[in-house]
Amino acid sequence: MAIKKMYELREMGKEELKEQLTQLQNELAKEKAAIASGTQADNPGGVKELRRTIARIKTILKERGAN
C-alpha cells in the first residue's frame, strides 16, 4: 500500500481514514511476522513508514474527535 502524506490524509473522510488505518495495521502485522520468522524484508524502511502513517492517521482522527 502506498504511503500517504499528511495533506492527502486530511482530505479523506473519517470512515476512509478508519478503513485505511485497519489496512495499514494489518500490513504492519504481516511485515513484523515476516521479519520475526527470519525472512529478509522487501523494504527495510517500510516498517518505519507504516508506523509513521498509522500515527498520522491516529493524529487526524483524534483532532476530529472520531475515536
PDB file of N, CA and C in Angstrom:
ATOM      1  N   MET A   1       0.841  -1.176   0.000  1.00  0.00           N
ATOM      2  CA  MET A   1       0.000   0.000   0.000  1.00  0.00           C
ATOM      3  C   MET A   1       0.881   1.233   0.000  1.00  0.00           C
ATOM      4  N   ALA A   2       0.471   2.213  -0.749  1.00  0.00           N
ATOM      5  CA  ALA A   2       1.250   3.442  -0.861  1.00  0.00           C
ATOM      6  C   ALA A   2       1.165   4.242   0.435  1.00  0.00           C
ATOM      7  N   ILE A   3       2.295   4.794   0.815  1.00  0.00           N
ATOM      8  CA  ILE A   3       2.351   5.645   1.988  1.00  0.00           C
ATOM      9  C   ILE A   3       1.815   7.020   1.596  1.00  0.00           C
ATOM     10  N   LYS A   4       0.922   7.539   2.395  1.00  0.00           N
ATOM     11  CA  LYS A   4       0.277   8.810   2.074  1.00  0.00           C
ATOM     12  C   LYS A   4       0.866   9.937   2.909  1.00  0.00           C
ATOM     13  N   LYS A   5       0.838  11.116   2.326  1.00  0.00           N
ATOM     14  CA  LYS A   5       1.311  12.316   3.008  1.00  0.00           C
ATOM     15  C   LYS A   5       0.181  12.891   3.851  1.00  0.00           C
ATOM     16  N   MET A   6       0.536  13.798   4.754  1.00  0.00           N
ATOM     17  CA  MET A   6      -0.430  14.373   5.686  1.00  0.00           C
ATOM     18  C   MET A   6      -1.556  15.094   4.948  1.00  0.00           C
ATOM     19  N   TYR A   7      -1.231  15.862   3.915  1.00  0.00           N
ATOM     20  CA  TYR A   7      -2.276  16.606   3.213  1.00  0.00           C
ATOM     21  C   TYR A   7      -3.240  15.664   2.487  1.00  0.00           C
ATOM     22  N   GLU A   8      -2.747  14.517   2.035  1.00  0.00           N
ATOM     23  CA  GLU A   8      -3.624  13.540   1.393  1.00  0.00           C
ATOM     24  C   GLU A   8      -4.574  12.914   2.414  1.00  0.00           C
ATOM     25  N   LEU A   9      -4.067  12.663   3.605  1.00  0.00           N
ATOM     26  CA  LEU A   9      -4.893  12.065   4.650  1.00  0.00           C
ATOM     27  C   LEU A   9      -5.951  13.043   5.158  1.00  0.00           C
ATOM     28  N   ARG A  10      -5.620  14.307   5.232  1.00  0.00           N
ATOM     29  CA  ARG A  10      -6.576  15.305   5.725  1.00  0.00           C
ATOM     30  C   ARG A  10      -7.765  15.480   4.787  1.00  0.00           C
ATOM     31  N   GLU A  11      -7.585  15.157   3.524  1.00  0.00           N
ATOM     32  CA  GLU A  11      -8.677  15.257   2.557  1.00  0.00           C
ATOM     33  C   GLU A  11      -9.674  14.107   2.676  1.00  0.00           C
ATOM     34  N   MET A  12      -9.289  13.033   3.340  1.00  0.00           N
ATOM     35  CA  MET A  12     -10.153  11.859   3.483  1.00  0.00           C
ATOM     36  C   MET A  12     -11.196  12.079   4.573  1.00  0.00           C
ATOM     37  N   GLY A  13     -12.287  11.340   4.464  1.00  0.00           N
ATOM     38  CA  GLY A  13     -13.317  11.365   5.490  1.00  0.00           C
ATOM     39  C   GLY A  13     -12.953  10.441   6.635  1.00  0.00           C
ATOM     40  N   LYS A  14     -13.742  10.510   7.708  1.00  0.00           N
ATOM     41  CA  LYS A  14     -13.462   9.698   8.896  1.00  0.00           C
ATOM     42  C   LYS A  14     -13.509   8.204   8.597  1.00  0.00           C
ATOM     43  N   GLU A  15     -14.525   7.788   7.848  1.00  0.00           N
ATOM     44  CA  GLU A  15     -14.665   6.360   7.557  1.00  0.00           C
ATOM     45  C   GLU A  15     -13.524   5.864   6.678  1.00  0.00           C
ATOM     46  N   GLU A  16     -13.110   6.677   5.725  1.00  0.00           N
ATOM     47  CA  GLU A  16     -11.970   6.313   4.870  1.00  0.00           C
ATOM     48  C   GLU A  16     -10.704   6.173   5.704  1.00  0.00           C
ATOM     49  N   LEU A  17     -10.517   7.090   6.642  1.00  0.00           N
ATOM     50  CA  LEU A  17      -9.331   7.037   7.492  1.00  0.00           C
ATOM     51  C   LEU A  17      -9.330   5.792   8.366  1.00  0.00           C
ATOM     52  N   LYS A  18     -10.491   5.464   8.918  1.00  0.00           N
ATOM     53  CA  LYS A  18     -10.570   4.272   9.759  1.00  0.00           C
ATOM     54  C   LYS A  18     -10.286   3.007   8.948  1.00  0.00           C
ATOM     55  N   GLU A  19     -10.798   2.966   7.729  1.00  0.00           N
ATOM     56  CA  GLU A  19     -10.551   1.820   6.864  1.00  0.00           C
ATOM     57  C   GLU A  19      -9.065   1.729   6.502  1.00  0.00           C
ATOM     58  N   GLN A  20      -8.471   2.851   6.179  1.00  0.00           N
ATOM     59  CA  GLN A  20      -7.050   2.922   5.845  1.00  0.00           C
ATOM     60  C   GLN A  20      -6.213   2.482   7.044  1.00  0.00           C
ATOM     61  N   LEU A  21      -6.629   2.894   8.238  1.00  0.00           N
ATOM     62  CA  LEU A  21      -5.910   2.550   9.458  1.00  0.00           C
ATOM     63  C   LEU A  21      -5.886   1.044   9.668  1.00  0.00           C
ATOM     64  N   THR A  22      -7.020   0.384   9.516  1.00  0.00           N
ATOM     65  CA  THR A  22      -7.051  -1.065   9.711  1.00  0.00           C
ATOM     66  C   THR A  22      -6.219  -1.786   8.653  1.00  0.00           C
ATOM     67  N   GLN A  23      -6.241  -1.297   7.419  1.00  0.00           N
ATOM     68  CA  GLN A  23      -5.434  -1.914   6.368  1.00  0.00           C
ATOM     69  C   GLN A  23      -3.944  -1.789   6.672  1.00  0.00           C
ATOM     70  N   LEU A  24      -3.539  -0.608   7.111  1.00  0.00           N
ATOM     71  CA  LEU A  24      -2.126  -0.390   7.424  1.00  0.00           C
ATOM     72  C   LEU A  24      -1.690  -1.205   8.637  1.00  0.00           C
ATOM     73  N   GLN A  25      -2.560  -1.320   9.630  1.00  0.00           N
ATOM     74  CA  GLN A  25      -2.218  -2.113  10.810  1.00  0.00           C
ATOM     75  C   GLN A  25      -2.064  -3.580  10.445  1.00  0.00           C
ATOM     76  N   ASN A  26      -2.928  -4.077   9.560  1.00  0.00           N
ATOM     77  CA  ASN A  26      -2.800  -5.463   9.107  1.00  0.00           C
ATOM     78  C   ASN A  26      -1.506  -5.664   8.322  1.00  0.00           C
ATOM     79  N   GLU A  27      -1.183  -4.712   7.471  1.00  0.00           N
ATOM     80  CA  GLU A  27       0.048  -4.797   6.685  1.00  0.00           C
ATOM     81  C   GLU A  27       1.276  -4.758   7.596  1.00  0.00           C
ATOM     82  N   LEU A  28       1.242  -3.920   8.618  1.00  0.00           N
ATOM     83  CA  LEU A  28       2.348  -3.841   9.569  1.00  0.00           C
ATOM     84  C   LEU A  28       2.510  -5.164  10.318  1.00  0.00           C
ATOM     85  N   ALA A  29       1.411  -5.760  10.714  1.00  0.00           N
ATOM     86  CA  ALA A  29       1.472  -7.041  11.415  1.00  0.00           C
ATOM     87  C   ALA A  29       2.094  -8.119  10.524  1.00  0.00           C
ATOM     88  N   LYS A  30       1.732  -8.128   9.255  1.00  0.00           N
ATOM     89  CA  LYS A  30       2.306  -9.101   8.318  1.00  0.00           C
ATOM     90  C   LYS A  30       3.806  -8.888   8.149  1.00  0.00           C
ATOM     91  N   GLU A  31       4.210  -7.626   8.032  1.00  0.00           N
ATOM     92  CA  GLU A  31       5.638  -7.314   7.885  1.00  0.00           C
ATOM     93  C   GLU A  31       6.415  -7.744   9.121  1.00  0.00           C
ATOM     94  N   LYS A  32       5.876  -7.456  10.297  1.00  0.00           N
ATOM     95  CA  LYS A  32       6.552  -7.833  11.536  1.00  0.00           C
ATOM     96  C   LYS A  32       6.646  -9.343  11.674  1.00  0.00           C
ATOM     97  N   ALA A  33       5.593 -10.054  11.277  1.00  0.00           N
ATOM     98  CA  ALA A  33       5.609 -11.515  11.345  1.00  0.00           C
ATOM     99  C   ALA A  33       6.642 -12.089  10.389  1.00  0.00           C
ATOM    100  N   ALA A  34       6.747 -11.505   9.211  1.00  0.00           N
ATOM    101  CA  ALA A  34       7.732 -11.978   8.236  1.00  0.00           C
ATOM    102  C   ALA A  34       9.151 -11.766   8.748  1.00  0.00           C
ATOM    103  N   ILE A  35       9.384 -10.612   9.362  1.00  0.00           N
ATOM    104  CA  ILE A  35      10.712 -10.324   9.899  1.00  0.00           C
ATOM    105  C   ILE A  35      11.026 -11.246  11.069  1.00  0.00           C
ATOM    106  N   ALA A  36      10.037 -11.502  11.921  1.00  0.00           N
ATOM    107  CA  ALA A  36      10.240 -12.370  13.079  1.00  0.00           C
ATOM    108  C   ALA A  36      10.526 -13.810  12.665  1.00  0.00           C
ATOM    109  N   SER A  37       9.987 -14.215  11.522  1.00  0.00           N
ATOM    110  CA  SER A  37      10.220 -15.590  11.075  1.00  0.00           C
ATOM    111  C   SER A  37      11.589 -15.756  10.435  1.00  0.00           C
ATOM    112  N   GLY A  38      12.307 -14.657  10.273  1.00  0.00           N
ATOM    113  CA  GLY A  38      13.669 -14.735   9.792  1.00  0.00           C
ATOM    114  C   GLY A  38      13.854 -14.417   8.324  1.00  0.00           C
ATOM    115  N   THR A  39      12.809 -14.041   7.638  1.00  0.00           N
ATOM    116  CA  THR A  39      12.959 -13.700   6.229  1.00  0.00           C
ATOM    117  C   THR A  39      13.454 -12.265   6.081  1.00  0.00           C
ATOM    118  N   GLN A  40      14.068 -12.003   4.958  1.00  0.00           N
ATOM    119  CA  GLN A  40      14.573 -10.656   4.683  1.00  0.00           C
ATOM    120  C   GLN A  40      13.414  -9.765   4.260  1.00  0.00           C
ATOM    121  N   ALA A  41      13.353  -8.569   4.809  1.00  0.00           N
ATOM    122  CA  ALA A  41      12.283  -7.629   4.476  1.00  0.00           C
ATOM    123  C   ALA A  41      12.488  -7.111   3.053  1.00  0.00           C
ATOM    124  N   ASP A  42      11.383  -6.984   2.307  1.00  0.00           N
ATOM    125  CA  ASP A  42      11.464  -6.436   0.958  1.00  0.00           C
ATOM    126  C   ASP A  42      11.918  -4.986   0.992  1.00  0.00           C
ATOM    127  N   ASN A  43      11.352  -4.240   1.913  1.00  0.00           N
ATOM    128  CA  ASN A  43      11.674  -2.829   2.046  1.00  0.00           C
ATOM    129  C   ASN A  43      11.963  -2.556   3.526  1.00  0.00           C
ATOM    130  N   PRO A  44      13.224  -2.535   3.927  1.00  0.00           N
ATOM    131  CA  PRO A  44      13.548  -2.365   5.347  1.00  0.00           C
ATOM    132  C   PRO A  44      12.997  -1.080   5.951  1.00  0.00           C
ATOM    133  N   GLY A  45      12.920  -0.014   5.184  1.00  0.00           N
ATOM    134  CA  GLY A  45      12.387   1.238   5.700  1.00  0.00           C
ATOM    135  C   GLY A  45      10.881   1.278   5.686  1.00  0.00           C
ATOM    136  N   GLY A  46      10.251   0.259   5.122  1.00  0.00           N
ATOM    137  CA  GLY A  46       8.800   0.222   5.001  1.00  0.00           C
ATOM    138  C   GLY A  46       8.087   0.134   6.327  1.00  0.00           C
ATOM    139  N   VAL A  47       8.667  -0.593   7.275  1.00  0.00           N
ATOM    140  CA  VAL A  47       8.049  -0.735   8.590  1.00  0.00           C
ATOM    141  C   VAL A  47       7.981   0.630   9.275  1.00  0.00           C
ATOM    142  N   LYS A  48       9.051   1.381   9.172  1.00  0.00           N
ATOM    143  CA  LYS A  48       9.086   2.709   9.780  1.00  0.00           C
ATOM    144  C   LYS A  48       8.042   3.618   9.145  1.00  0.00           C
ATOM    145  N   GLU A  49       7.935   3.582   7.825  1.00  0.00           N
ATOM    146  CA  GLU A  49       6.954   4.415   7.133  1.00  0.00           C
ATOM    147  C   GLU A  49       5.521   3.990   7.477  1.00  0.00           C
ATOM    148  N   LEU A  50       5.277   2.692   7.610  1.00  0.00           N
ATOM    149  CA  LEU A  50       3.951   2.224   8.012  1.00  0.00           C
ATOM    150  C   LEU A  50       3.591   2.759   9.389  1.00  0.00           C
ATOM    151  N   ARG A  51       4.543   2.667  10.315  1.00  0.00           N
ATOM    152  CA  ARG A  51       4.291   3.145  11.668  1.00  0.00           C
ATOM    153  C   ARG A  51       4.011   4.648  11.680  1.00  0.00           C
ATOM    154  N   ARG A  52       4.744   5.400  10.878  1.00  0.00           N
ATOM    155  CA  ARG A  52       4.532   6.839  10.821  1.00  0.00           C
ATOM    156  C   ARG A  52       3.172   7.188  10.223  1.00  0.00           C
ATOM    157  N   THR A  53       2.787   6.464   9.183  1.00  0.00           N
ATOM    158  CA  THR A  53       1.496   6.732   8.555  1.00  0.00           C
ATOM    159  C   THR A  53       0.354   6.393   9.507  1.00  0.00           C
ATOM    160  N   ILE A  54       0.499   5.298  10.237  1.00  0.00           N
ATOM    161  CA  ILE A  54      -0.514   4.929  11.239  1.00  0.00           C
ATOM    162  C   ILE A  54      -0.624   6.041  12.279  1.00  0.00           C
ATOM    163  N   ALA A  55       0.501   6.566  12.718  1.00  0.00           N
ATOM    164  CA  ALA A  55       0.487   7.648  13.700  1.00  0.00           C
ATOM    165  C   ALA A  55      -0.170   8.900  13.129  1.00  0.00           C
ATOM    166  N   ARG A  56       0.087   9.193  11.866  1.00  0.00           N
ATOM    167  CA  ARG A  56      -0.542  10.359  11.226  1.00  0.00           C
ATOM    168  C   ARG A  56      -2.058  10.215  11.203  1.00  0.00           C
ATOM    169  N   ILE A  57      -2.523   9.028  10.840  1.00  0.00           N
ATOM    170  CA  ILE A  57      -3.968   8.790  10.775  1.00  0.00           C
ATOM    171  C   ILE A  57      -4.589   8.919  12.156  1.00  0.00           C
ATOM    172  N   LYS A  58      -3.939   8.334  13.158  1.00  0.00           N
ATOM    173  CA  LYS A  58      -4.463   8.426  14.516  1.00  0.00           C
ATOM    174  C   LYS A  58      -4.513   9.869  15.000  1.00  0.00           C
ATOM    175  N   THR A  59      -3.523  10.653  14.623  1.00  0.00           N
ATOM    176  CA  THR A  59      -3.489  12.076  14.996  1.00  0.00           C
ATOM    177  C   THR A  59      -4.671  12.817  14.376  1.00  0.00           C
ATOM    178  N   ILE A  60      -4.910  12.589  13.097  1.00  0.00           N
ATOM    179  CA  ILE A  60      -6.006  13.264  12.416  1.00  0.00           C
ATOM    180  C   ILE A  60      -7.348  12.855  13.024  1.00  0.00           C
ATOM    181  N   LEU A  61      -7.509  11.567  13.311  1.00  0.00           N
ATOM    182  CA  LEU A  61      -8.773  11.101  13.908  1.00  0.00           C
ATOM    183  C   LEU A  61      -8.973  11.711  15.288  1.00  0.00           C
ATOM    184  N   LYS A  62      -7.909  11.843  16.051  1.00  0.00           N
ATOM    185  CA  LYS A  62      -8.033  12.429  17.369  1.00  0.00           C
ATOM    186  C   LYS A  62      -8.388  13.916  17.280  1.00  0.00           C
ATOM    187  N   GLU A  63      -7.795  14.603  16.308  1.00  0.00           N
ATOM    188  CA  GLU A  63      -8.122  16.017  16.113  1.00  0.00           C
ATOM    189  C   GLU A  63      -9.584  16.210  15.763  1.00  0.00           C
ATOM    190  N   ARG A  64     -10.124  15.277  14.980  1.00  0.00           N
ATOM    191  CA  ARG A  64     -11.521  15.370  14.560  1.00  0.00           C
ATOM    192  C   ARG A  64     -12.470  14.800  15.610  1.00  0.00           C
ATOM    193  N   GLY A  65     -11.948  14.152  16.621  1.00  0.00           N
ATOM    194  CA  GLY A  65     -12.785  13.580  17.667  1.00  0.00           C
ATOM    195  C   GLY A  65     -13.568  12.370  17.201  1.00  0.00           C
ATOM    196  N   ALA A  66     -12.942  11.540  16.392  1.00  0.00           N
ATOM    197  CA  ALA A  66     -13.633  10.388  15.813  1.00  0.00           C
ATOM    198  C   ALA A  66     -13.394   9.103  16.591  1.00  0.00           C
ATOM    199  N   ASN A  67     -12.709   9.147  17.704  1.00  0.00           N
ATOM    200  CA  ASN A  67     -12.416   7.910  18.432  1.00  0.00           C
ATOM    201  C   ASN A  67     -13.543   7.499  19.250  1.00  0.00           C
TER     202      ASN A  67
END
